[in-house]
Amino acid sequence: MIRLTWPRIMLAAACAATAIAAAGCSPRTSVASSPAAVSATHAPTPATPTPTTASSSPTQAGAVCVTSDQKGHCPFGAYPGITGASTDPYVDQNVWGPIPGWQQTLYATDPGHWYVTANMPAGNTAVVSFPNTGFFYNKALSGFSSIVSSFTDSIPARAGTNAEASYDIWFSNTGAVNEVMIQNDYSPGRAPSCGTWTATSVQFGGSNGVPVHPWDLCVSGSTAYWETADGNMPSGTVDVLAMLRWLVSHGQLPAGVQLGGFSYGFEISSTGGVDENFQVSSFTAAAS
């Protein structure tokens, strides 16, 4: 299934003001703009949030920011699980491709713990939303000595579900490629395949506490896709810098590329027309 023409827009709008204050979070009043060379159809674009009231429902226990808004946005202050970034992290609702019948509510405790309850029409195959944890690096890739990230996600295993968990990484000063996705987990309704493979079973890991793992690469248009090569990986650690440096050494990214927006979440197309939960129960990103 080719997943390259969907115009994902990083949207922003709502967060619980009182709950944020209680959690030590603050609205972003000055966040770096998206990389200059990134397409406006998908670049992360920060905005000032509109207060939303958090619910006390038992199913939302622990959530300090709750929003059902299409442009829902939950800003957070410094988070110990994310280091080396140039901005504070956020969690976005990000329904960038709304279709008739979509419903989605985001419940965020912090950038490493959140979930959405989504209801997308049965049989839909285009991506409707990309709820995600995101932030910016805004630094030359050559200036990093390490970028290691860990995750644990949960995707419903129902036959009608069409979704995946993925990193979405953006660059400026690029040639053909300005977006890199690292896709690690798939629902039964979606398989890892984006077209013609550029490389297969490329192994990364073995240092910085990252297990060795094989990945397949597809490059199409302005997007490069790393896809797990040996089955779903709902929990793991990836050497992101090694994967990006490989793209530089093989001519997919220029040597002077600037690393901009960095996010992790779910591309959701369908839930079979029923409510389903998509959860990130842990997420870290350490850069130096």
C-alpha atoms as a PDB file:
ATOM      1  CA  MET A   1       0.000   0.000   0.000  1.00  0.00           C
ATOM      2  CA  ILE A   2       1.531   3.316  -1.005  1.00  0.00           C
ATOM      3  CA  ARG A   3       1.372   5.909   1.743  1.00  0.00           C
ATOM      4  CA  LEU A   4       2.998   8.964   0.294  1.00  0.00           C
ATOM      5  CA  THR A   5       0.505  11.427  -1.040  1.00  0.00           C
ATOM      6  CA  TRP A   6      -1.547  11.993   2.078  1.00  0.00           C
ATOM      7  CA  PRO A   7      -1.162  15.660   3.109  1.00  0.00           C
ATOM      8  CA  ARG A   8      -0.672  15.393   6.873  1.00  0.00           C
ATOM      9  CA  ILE A   9      -0.976  18.780   8.581  1.00  0.00           C
ATOM     10  CA  MET A  10       0.336  19.064  12.126  1.00  0.00           C
ATOM     11  CA  LEU A  11      -2.607  20.895  13.669  1.00  0.00           C
ATOM     12  CA  ALA A  12      -2.923  22.642  17.028  1.00  0.00           C
ATOM     13  CA  ALA A  13      -5.670  24.122  19.217  1.00  0.00           C
ATOM     14  CA  ALA A  14      -6.904  22.875  22.587  1.00  0.00           C
ATOM     15  CA  CYS A  15      -5.628  22.021  26.074  1.00  0.00           C
ATOM     16  CA  ALA A  16      -6.912  22.071  29.658  1.00  0.00           C
ATOM     17  CA  ALA A  17      -5.465  25.228  31.175  1.00  0.00           C
ATOM     18  CA  THR A  18      -6.012  24.365  34.826  1.00  0.00           C
ATOM     19  CA  ALA A  19      -4.830  20.772  34.408  1.00  0.00           C
ATOM     20  CA  ILE A  20      -1.702  21.909  32.582  1.00  0.00           C
ATOM     21  CA  ALA A  21      -0.814  24.243  35.406  1.00  0.00           C
ATOM     22  CA  ALA A  22      -1.242  21.420  37.901  1.00  0.00           C
ATOM     23  CA  ALA A  23       1.087  19.230  35.883  1.00  0.00           C
ATOM     24  CA  GLY A  24       3.785  21.869  35.581  1.00  0.00           C
ATOM     25  CA  CYS A  25       3.068  22.444  31.899  1.00  0.00           C
ATOM     26  CA  SER A  26       2.699  25.785  30.184  1.00  0.00           C
ATOM     27  CA  PRO A  27       1.301  26.882  26.817  1.00  0.00           C
ATOM     28  CA  ARG A  28       3.966  27.434  24.181  1.00  0.00           C
ATOM     29  CA  THR A  29       4.123  31.131  23.439  1.00  0.00           C
ATOM     30  CA  SER A  30       7.237  31.014  21.285  1.00  0.00           C
ATOM     31  CA  VAL A  31       8.049  27.775  19.480  1.00  0.00           C
ATOM     32  CA  ALA A  32      10.388  27.540  16.524  1.00  0.00           C
ATOM     33  CA  SER A  33       8.642  27.617  13.198  1.00  0.00           C
ATOM     34  CA  SER A  34       8.681  24.611  10.906  1.00  0.00           C
ATOM     35  CA  PRO A  35      11.760  24.043   8.714  1.00  0.00           C
ATOM     36  CA  ALA A  36      11.765  26.413   5.754  1.00  0.00           C
ATOM     37  CA  ALA A  37      12.061  23.723   3.131  1.00  0.00           C
ATOM     38  CA  VAL A  38       9.303  21.510   4.538  1.00  0.00           C
ATOM     39  CA  SER A  39       6.051  21.298   2.592  1.00  0.00           C
ATOM     40  CA  ALA A  40       3.324  23.350   4.229  1.00  0.00           C
ATOM     41  CA  THR A  41       0.948  20.407   3.820  1.00  0.00           C
ATOM     42  CA  HIS A  42       2.609  18.397   6.598  1.00  0.00           C
ATOM     43  CA  ALA A  43       5.096  20.534   8.479  1.00  0.00           C
ATOM     44  CA  PRO A  44       4.607  20.679  12.270  1.00  0.00           C
ATOM     45  CA  THR A  45       3.046  24.083  12.962  1.00  0.00           C
ATOM     46  CA  PRO A  46       2.708  25.219  16.586  1.00  0.00           C
ATOM     47  CA  ALA A  47      -0.152  27.432  17.730  1.00  0.00           C
ATOM     48  CA  THR A  48      -1.571  28.912  20.904  1.00  0.00           C
ATOM     49  CA  PRO A  49      -3.929  26.387  22.538  1.00  0.00           C
ATOM     50  CA  THR A  50      -7.549  27.058  23.442  1.00  0.00           C
ATOM     51  CA  PRO A  51      -8.520  25.801  26.936  1.00  0.00           C
ATOM     52  CA  THR A  52     -10.454  22.536  27.092  1.00  0.00           C
ATOM     53  CA  THR A  53     -11.972  21.052  30.233  1.00  0.00           C
ATOM     54  CA  ALA A  54     -10.551  17.698  31.298  1.00  0.00           C
ATOM     55  CA  SER A  55     -13.131  15.060  32.168  1.00  0.00           C
ATOM     56  CA  SER A  56     -13.183  13.108  35.449  1.00  0.00           C
ATOM     57  CA  SER A  57     -14.402   9.932  33.793  1.00  0.00           C
ATOM     58  CA  PRO A  58     -12.669   6.799  35.156  1.00  0.00           C
ATOM     59  CA  THR A  59     -11.540   5.964  31.616  1.00  0.00           C
ATOM     60  CA  GLN A  60      -9.627   9.247  31.541  1.00  0.00           C
ATOM     61  CA  ALA A  61      -7.894   8.866  34.900  1.00  0.00           C
ATOM     62  CA  GLY A  62      -4.541  10.630  34.909  1.00  0.00           C
ATOM     63  CA  ALA A  63      -5.139  12.684  31.767  1.00  0.00           C
ATOM     64  CA  VAL A  64      -4.257  16.356  32.279  1.00  0.00           C
ATOM     65  CA  CYS A  65      -5.261  17.396  28.763  1.00  0.00           C
ATOM     66  CA  VAL A  66      -8.360  16.108  26.993  1.00  0.00           C
ATOM     67  CA  THR A  67      -9.601  17.333  23.626  1.00  0.00           C
ATOM     68  CA  SER A  68     -11.929  16.171  20.870  1.00  0.00           C
ATOM     69  CA  ASP A  69     -11.155  19.171  18.668  1.00  0.00           C
ATOM     70  CA  GLN A  70      -9.869  18.501  15.168  1.00  0.00           C
ATOM     71  CA  LYS A  71      -6.943  20.824  15.926  1.00  0.00           C
ATOM     72  CA  GLY A  72      -6.541  19.701  19.542  1.00  0.00           C
ATOM     73  CA  HIS A  73      -3.125  20.511  20.976  1.00  0.00           C
ATOM     74  CA  CYS A  74      -1.630  19.720  24.401  1.00  0.00           C
ATOM     75  CA  PRO A  75       1.584  21.617  25.170  1.00  0.00           C
ATOM     76  CA  PHE A  76       3.858  20.437  27.973  1.00  0.00           C
ATOM     77  CA  GLY A  77       6.890  21.871  29.708  1.00  0.00           C
ATOM     78  CA  ALA A  78      10.272  20.184  30.030  1.00  0.00           C
ATOM     79  CA  TYR A  79       9.883  16.404  30.119  1.00  0.00           C
ATOM     80  CA  PRO A  80      12.713  14.173  31.442  1.00  0.00           C
ATOM     81  CA  GLY A  81      12.080  11.497  28.810  1.00  0.00           C
ATOM     82  CA  ILE A  82      12.907  13.911  25.982  1.00  0.00           C
ATOM     83  CA  THR A  83      16.367  15.502  26.021  1.00  0.00           C
ATOM     84  CA  GLY A  84      18.443  17.492  23.563  1.00  0.00           C
ATOM     85  CA  ALA A  85      15.497  19.168  21.814  1.00  0.00           C
ATOM     86  CA  SER A  86      15.307  22.896  21.122  1.00  0.00           C
ATOM     87  CA  THR A  87      11.621  23.173  22.121  1.00  0.00           C
ATOM     88  CA  ASP A  88       9.336  21.743  24.761  1.00  0.00           C
ATOM     89  CA  PRO A  89       7.274  18.717  23.660  1.00  0.00           C
ATOM     90  CA  TYR A  90       3.562  18.558  22.965  1.00  0.00           C
ATOM     91  CA  VAL A  91       0.910  15.943  22.172  1.00  0.00           C
ATOM     92  CA  ASP A  92      -1.323  16.697  19.177  1.00  0.00           C
ATOM     93  CA  GLN A  93      -4.771  15.396  18.257  1.00  0.00           C
ATOM     94  CA  ASN A  94      -3.886  16.155  14.613  1.00  0.00           C
ATOM     95  CA  VAL A  95      -6.943  15.168  12.573  1.00  0.00           C
ATOM     96  CA  TRP A  96      -5.425  16.518   9.358  1.00  0.00           C
ATOM     97  CA  GLY A  97      -7.563  14.528   6.862  1.00  0.00           C
ATOM     98  CA  PRO A  98     -11.100  14.667   8.315  1.00  0.00           C
ATOM     99  CA  ILE A  99     -13.807  12.678   6.548  1.00  0.00           C
ATOM    100  CA  PRO A 100     -17.538  12.403   7.271  1.00  0.00           C
ATOM    101  CA  GLY A 101     -18.149  10.314  10.381  1.00  0.00           C
ATOM    102  CA  TRP A 102     -14.727  10.706  12.050  1.00  0.00           C
ATOM    103  CA  GLN A 103     -14.531  10.952  15.845  1.00  0.00           C
ATOM    104  CA  GLN A 104     -11.397  11.121  17.975  1.00  0.00           C
ATOM    105  CA  THR A 105     -10.614  12.209  21.529  1.00  0.00           C
ATOM    106  CA  LEU A 106      -7.101  12.651  22.892  1.00  0.00           C
ATOM    107  CA  TYR A 107      -6.248  11.946  26.553  1.00  0.00           C
ATOM    108  CA  ALA A 108      -2.722  13.084  27.418  1.00  0.00           C
ATOM    109  CA  THR A 109      -0.996  12.658  30.764  1.00  0.00           C
ATOM    110  CA  ASP A 110       2.448  13.695  29.506  1.00  0.00           C
ATOM    111  CA  PRO A 111       4.469  13.307  26.274  1.00  0.00           C
ATOM    112  CA  GLY A 112       5.260   9.692  27.125  1.00  0.00           C
ATOM    113  CA  HIS A 113       1.795   8.588  28.204  1.00  0.00           C
ATOM    114  CA  TRP A 114      -1.338   9.266  26.162  1.00  0.00           C
ATOM    115  CA  TYR A 115      -4.012   7.629  24.068  1.00  0.00           C
ATOM    116  CA  VAL A 116      -6.784   8.457  21.639  1.00  0.00           C
ATOM    117  CA  THR A 117     -10.202   6.900  21.344  1.00  0.00           C
ATOM    118  CA  ALA A 118     -10.968   6.985  17.626  1.00  0.00           C
ATOM    119  CA  ASN A 119     -13.956   5.981  15.534  1.00  0.00           C
ATOM    120  CA  MET A 120     -13.263   6.067  11.782  1.00  0.00           C
ATOM    121  CA  PRO A 121     -15.606   4.687   9.098  1.00  0.00           C
ATOM    122  CA  ALA A 122     -15.235   1.054   8.061  1.00  0.00           C
ATOM    123  CA  GLY A 123     -13.291   0.442   4.870  1.00  0.00           C
ATOM    124  CA  ASN A 124     -11.542   3.818   4.768  1.00  0.00           C
ATOM    125  CA  THR A 125      -7.907   3.549   3.634  1.00  0.00           C
ATOM    126  CA  ALA A 126      -6.675   7.176   3.537  1.00  0.00           C
ATOM    127  CA  VAL A 127      -5.047   8.469   6.716  1.00  0.00           C
ATOM    128  CA  VAL A 128      -7.467  10.608   8.742  1.00  0.00           C
ATOM    129  CA  SER A 129      -5.290  11.512  11.732  1.00  0.00           C
ATOM    130  CA  PHE A 130      -1.787  11.354  13.156  1.00  0.00           C
ATOM    131  CA  PRO A 131      -2.077  11.849  16.933  1.00  0.00           C
ATOM    132  CA  ASN A 132       1.486  12.214  18.148  1.00  0.00           C
ATOM    133  CA  THR A 133       4.123  13.359  20.590  1.00  0.00           C
ATOM    134  CA  GLY A 134       6.204  16.016  18.876  1.00  0.00           C
ATOM    135  CA  PHE A 135       8.970  18.586  19.327  1.00  0.00           C
ATOM    136  CA  PHE A 136      11.736  20.289  17.331  1.00  0.00           C
ATOM    137  CA  TYR A 137      15.506  19.824  17.161  1.00  0.00           C
ATOM    138  CA  ASN A 138      16.358  22.612  14.657  1.00  0.00           C
ATOM    139  CA  LYS A 139      19.983  21.555  14.375  1.00  0.00           C
ATOM    140  CA  ALA A 140      22.282  20.216  11.686  1.00  0.00           C
ATOM    141  CA  LEU A 141      22.265  16.411  11.624  1.00  0.00           C
ATOM    142  CA  SER A 142      26.067  16.456  11.569  1.00  0.00           C
ATOM    143  CA  GLY A 143      26.015  18.143  14.984  1.00  0.00           C
ATOM    144  CA  PHE A 144      24.560  15.088  16.766  1.00  0.00           C
ATOM    145  CA  SER A 145      26.592  12.291  18.319  1.00  0.00           C
ATOM    146  CA  SER A 146      23.542  10.219  19.306  1.00  0.00           C
ATOM    147  CA  ILE A 147      19.752  10.111  18.869  1.00  0.00           C
ATOM    148  CA  VAL A 148      18.172   7.101  20.548  1.00  0.00           C
ATOM    149  CA  SER A 149      14.437   6.685  21.061  1.00  0.00           C
ATOM    150  CA  SER A 150      12.263   4.094  22.782  1.00  0.00           C
ATOM    151  CA  PHE A 151       8.537   3.420  22.562  1.00  0.00           C
ATOM    152  CA  THR A 152       5.742   1.134  23.640  1.00  0.00           C
ATOM    153  CA  ASP A 153       2.507   1.356  21.679  1.00  0.00           C
ATOM    154  CA  SER A 154      -0.784  -0.499  21.464  1.00  0.00           C
ATOM    155  CA  ILE A 155      -2.867  -0.890  18.280  1.00  0.00           C
ATOM    156  CA  PRO A 156      -6.173  -2.809  18.256  1.00  0.00           C
ATOM    157  CA  ALA A 157      -5.847  -6.209  16.566  1.00  0.00           C
ATOM    158  CA  ARG A 158      -9.326  -6.215  15.030  1.00  0.00           C
ATOM    159  CA  ALA A 159      -9.646  -7.112  11.355  1.00  0.00           C
ATOM    160  CA  GLY A 160     -11.401  -3.816  10.562  1.00  0.00           C
ATOM    161  CA  THR A 161      -8.610  -1.662  11.971  1.00  0.00           C
ATOM    162  CA  ASN A 162      -6.334   0.144   9.511  1.00  0.00           C
ATOM    163  CA  ALA A 163      -3.524   1.978  11.300  1.00  0.00           C
ATOM    164  CA  GLU A 164       0.175   1.993  12.062  1.00  0.00           C
ATOM    165  CA  ALA A 165       2.600   3.394  14.633  1.00  0.00           C
ATOM    166  CA  SER A 166       5.426   5.475  13.232  1.00  0.00           C
ATOM    167  CA  TYR A 167       8.029   8.169  13.726  1.00  0.00           C
ATOM    168  CA  ASP A 168       7.677  11.180  11.446  1.00  0.00           C
ATOM    169  CA  ILE A 169      10.868  13.229  11.069  1.00  0.00           C
ATOM    170  CA  TRP A 170      11.266  16.417   9.041  1.00  0.00           C
ATOM    171  CA  PHE A 171      14.247  18.153   7.462  1.00  0.00           C
ATOM    172  CA  SER A 172      15.184  21.406   5.784  1.00  0.00           C
ATOM    173  CA  ASN A 173      18.026  22.032   3.297  1.00  0.00           C
ATOM    174  CA  THR A 174      17.218  18.797   1.497  1.00  0.00           C
ATOM    175  CA  GLY A 175      17.297  17.551  -2.041  1.00  0.00           C
ATOM    176  CA  ALA A 176      14.533  15.138  -2.989  1.00  0.00           C
ATOM    177  CA  VAL A 177      13.732  13.861   0.520  1.00  0.00           C
ATOM    178  CA  ASN A 178      12.496  16.097   3.340  1.00  0.00           C
ATOM    179  CA  GLU A 179      10.565  13.561   5.449  1.00  0.00           C
ATOM    180  CA  VAL A 180      11.600  10.253   7.014  1.00  0.00           C
ATOM    181  CA  MET A 181       9.131   7.834   8.586  1.00  0.00           C
ATOM    182  CA  ILE A 182      10.192   4.897  10.789  1.00  0.00           C
ATOM    183  CA  GLN A 183       7.198   2.551  10.905  1.00  0.00           C
ATOM    184  CA  ASN A 184       7.270  -0.074  13.641  1.00  0.00           C
ATOM    185  CA  ASP A 185       3.794  -1.503  14.263  1.00  0.00           C
ATOM    186  CA  TYR A 186       0.823  -2.317  12.023  1.00  0.00           C
ATOM    187  CA  SER A 187      -2.803  -3.299  12.458  1.00  0.00           C
ATOM    188  CA  PRO A 188      -4.116  -6.404  10.652  1.00  0.00           C
ATOM    189  CA  GLY A 189      -5.620  -4.094   8.021  1.00  0.00           C
ATOM    190  CA  ARG A 190      -2.275  -2.580   7.046  1.00  0.00           C
ATOM    191  CA  ALA A 191       0.998  -4.189   6.028  1.00  0.00           C
ATOM    192  CA  PRO A 192       4.502  -2.707   5.662  1.00  0.00           C
ATOM    193  CA  SER A 193       4.826  -1.976   1.958  1.00  0.00           C
ATOM    194  CA  CYS A 194       5.213   1.407   0.277  1.00  0.00           C
ATOM    195  CA  GLY A 195       6.119   0.334  -3.242  1.00  0.00           C
ATOM    196  CA  THR A 196       9.511  -0.470  -4.726  1.00  0.00           C
ATOM    197  CA  TRP A 197      12.143  -1.270  -2.109  1.00  0.00           C
ATOM    198  CA  THR A 198      15.353   0.744  -2.146  1.00  0.00           C
ATOM    199  CA  ALA A 199      17.110  -1.504   0.388  1.00  0.00           C
ATOM    200  CA  THR A 200      16.073  -4.543   2.412  1.00  0.00           C
ATOM    201  CA  SER A 201      17.064  -5.996   5.788  1.00  0.00           C
ATOM    202  CA  VAL A 202      19.440  -3.166   6.702  1.00  0.00           C
ATOM    203  CA  GLN A 203      20.477  -3.761  10.307  1.00  0.00           C
ATOM    204  CA  PHE A 204      20.805  -1.046  12.928  1.00  0.00           C
ATOM    205  CA  GLY A 205      21.629  -1.309  16.610  1.00  0.00           C
ATOM    206  CA  GLY A 206      24.311  -3.042  18.610  1.00  0.00           C
ATOM    207  CA  SER A 207      25.412   0.062  20.558  1.00  0.00           C
ATOM    208  CA  ASN A 208      23.893   2.688  22.869  1.00  0.00           C
ATOM    209  CA  GLY A 209      21.681  -0.029  24.330  1.00  0.00           C
ATOM    210  CA  VAL A 210      19.848  -0.583  21.042  1.00  0.00           C
ATOM    211  CA  PRO A 211      19.224  -4.219  20.006  1.00  0.00           C
ATOM    212  CA  VAL A 212      20.124  -5.149  16.430  1.00  0.00           C
ATOM    213  CA  HIS A 213      17.023  -5.031  14.240  1.00  0.00           C
ATOM    214  CA  PRO A 214      16.494  -5.294  10.449  1.00  0.00           C
ATOM    215  CA  TRP A 215      14.660  -2.597   8.490  1.00  0.00           C
ATOM    216  CA  ASP A 216      13.478  -2.249   4.896  1.00  0.00           C
ATOM    217  CA  LEU A 217      13.694   1.071   3.066  1.00  0.00           C
ATOM    218  CA  CYS A 218      11.412   2.549   0.433  1.00  0.00           C
ATOM    219  CA  VAL A 219      11.954   6.019  -0.990  1.00  0.00           C
ATOM    220  CA  SER A 220       9.177   7.574  -3.019  1.00  0.00           C
ATOM    221  CA  GLY A 221       8.657  11.223  -3.784  1.00  0.00           C
ATOM    222  CA  SER A 222       9.889  13.382  -0.912  1.00  0.00           C
ATOM    223  CA  THR A 223       9.475  10.686   1.753  1.00  0.00           C
ATOM    224  CA  ALA A 224      11.798   7.884   2.865  1.00  0.00           C
ATOM    225  CA  TYR A 225      10.150   5.005   4.746  1.00  0.00           C
ATOM    226  CA  TRP A 226      12.013   2.692   7.107  1.00  0.00           C
ATOM    227  CA  GLU A 227       9.697  -0.245   7.817  1.00  0.00           C
ATOM    228  CA  THR A 228      10.318  -3.057  10.272  1.00  0.00           C
ATOM    229  CA  ALA A 229      11.558  -6.064   8.301  1.00  0.00           C
ATOM    230  CA  ASP A 230      10.648  -8.947  10.615  1.00  0.00           C
ATOM    231  CA  GLY A 231       7.142  -8.399  11.909  1.00  0.00           C
ATOM    232  CA  ASN A 232       5.480  -5.934  14.243  1.00  0.00           C
ATOM    233  CA  MET A 233       7.565  -4.163  16.863  1.00  0.00           C
ATOM    234  CA  PRO A 234       5.116  -2.674  19.403  1.00  0.00           C
ATOM    235  CA  SER A 235       7.895  -2.003  21.901  1.00  0.00           C
ATOM    236  CA  GLY A 236      11.543  -1.296  21.276  1.00  0.00           C
ATOM    237  CA  THR A 237      14.483   1.068  21.000  1.00  0.00           C
ATOM    238  CA  VAL A 238      15.851   2.491  17.765  1.00  0.00           C
ATOM    239  CA  ASP A 239      19.123   4.179  16.847  1.00  0.00           C
ATOM    240  CA  VAL A 240      17.513   7.037  14.958  1.00  0.00           C
ATOM    241  CA  LEU A 241      20.785   8.810  14.202  1.00  0.00           C
ATOM    242  CA  ALA A 242      22.263   5.689  12.575  1.00  0.00           C
ATOM    243  CA  MET A 243      19.180   5.330  10.369  1.00  0.00           C
ATOM    244  CA  LEU A 244      19.375   8.970   9.293  1.00  0.00           C
ATOM    245  CA  ARG A 245      23.140   8.847   8.719  1.00  0.00           C
ATOM    246  CA  TRP A 246      22.624   5.819   6.487  1.00  0.00           C
ATOM    247  CA  LEU A 247      20.346   7.935   4.300  1.00  0.00           C
ATOM    248  CA  VAL A 248      23.048  10.611   4.092  1.00  0.00           C
ATOM    249  CA  SER A 249      25.806   8.122   3.222  1.00  0.00           C
ATOM    250  CA  HIS A 250      23.610   6.578   0.505  1.00  0.00           C
ATOM    251  CA  GLY A 251      22.674   9.860  -1.133  1.00  0.00           C
ATOM    252  CA  GLN A 252      19.069  10.120   0.068  1.00  0.00           C
ATOM    253  CA  LEU A 253      19.777  13.120   2.323  1.00  0.00           C
ATOM    254  CA  PRO A 254      22.490  15.769   1.755  1.00  0.00           C
ATOM    255  CA  ALA A 255      25.435  15.968   4.156  1.00  0.00           C
ATOM    256  CA  GLY A 256      24.401  19.398   5.460  1.00  0.00           C
ATOM    257  CA  VAL A 257      20.790  18.487   6.208  1.00  0.00           C
ATOM    258  CA  GLN A 258      19.049  20.283   9.080  1.00  0.00           C
ATOM    259  CA  LEU A 259      16.956  18.149  11.447  1.00  0.00           C
ATOM    260  CA  GLY A 260      13.703  19.928  12.295  1.00  0.00           C
ATOM    261  CA  GLY A 261      10.436  18.411  13.549  1.00  0.00           C
ATOM    262  CA  PHE A 262      10.431  15.020  15.315  1.00  0.00           C
ATOM    263  CA  SER A 263       7.283  13.116  16.264  1.00  0.00           C
ATOM    264  CA  TYR A 264       5.922   9.677  17.117  1.00  0.00           C
ATOM    265  CA  GLY A 265       2.329   8.488  16.966  1.00  0.00           C
ATOM    266  CA  PHE A 266      -0.356   6.673  14.958  1.00  0.00           C
ATOM    267  CA  GLU A 267      -1.542   7.067  11.386  1.00  0.00           C
ATOM    268  CA  ILE A 268      -5.212   6.068  11.664  1.00  0.00           C
ATOM    269  CA  SER A 269      -7.402   5.332   8.639  1.00  0.00           C
ATOM    270  CA  SER A 270     -10.211   3.099   9.916  1.00  0.00           C
ATOM    271  CA  THR A 271     -11.451   1.496  13.117  1.00  0.00           C
ATOM    272  CA  GLY A 272     -14.157  -0.490  11.378  1.00  0.00           C
ATOM    273  CA  GLY A 273     -16.732   2.068  12.476  1.00  0.00           C
ATOM    274  CA  VAL A 274     -16.364   1.361  16.220  1.00  0.00           C
ATOM    275  CA  ASP A 275     -14.537   3.040  19.109  1.00  0.00           C
ATOM    276  CA  GLU A 276     -10.943   1.863  19.480  1.00  0.00           C
ATOM    277  CA  ASN A 277      -8.065   2.966  21.704  1.00  0.00           C
ATOM    278  CA  PHE A 278      -4.571   3.673  20.351  1.00  0.00           C
ATOM    279  CA  GLN A 279      -2.105   4.086  23.183  1.00  0.00           C
ATOM    280  CA  VAL A 280       1.466   5.222  23.745  1.00  0.00           C
ATOM    281  CA  SER A 281       2.368   3.884  27.192  1.00  0.00           C
ATOM    282  CA  SER A 282       5.997   4.981  27.021  1.00  0.00           C
ATOM    283  CA  PHE A 283       8.099   7.223  24.792  1.00  0.00           C
ATOM    284  CA  THR A 284      11.587   8.640  25.177  1.00  0.00           C
ATOM    285  CA  ALA A 285      14.027  10.425  22.908  1.00  0.00           C
ATOM    286  CA  ALA A 286      17.584  11.231  23.985  1.00  0.00           C
ATOM    287  CA  ALA A 287      19.823  13.328  21.749  1.00  0.00           C
ATOM    288  CA  SER A 288      23.330  14.658  22.254  1.00  0.00           C
END
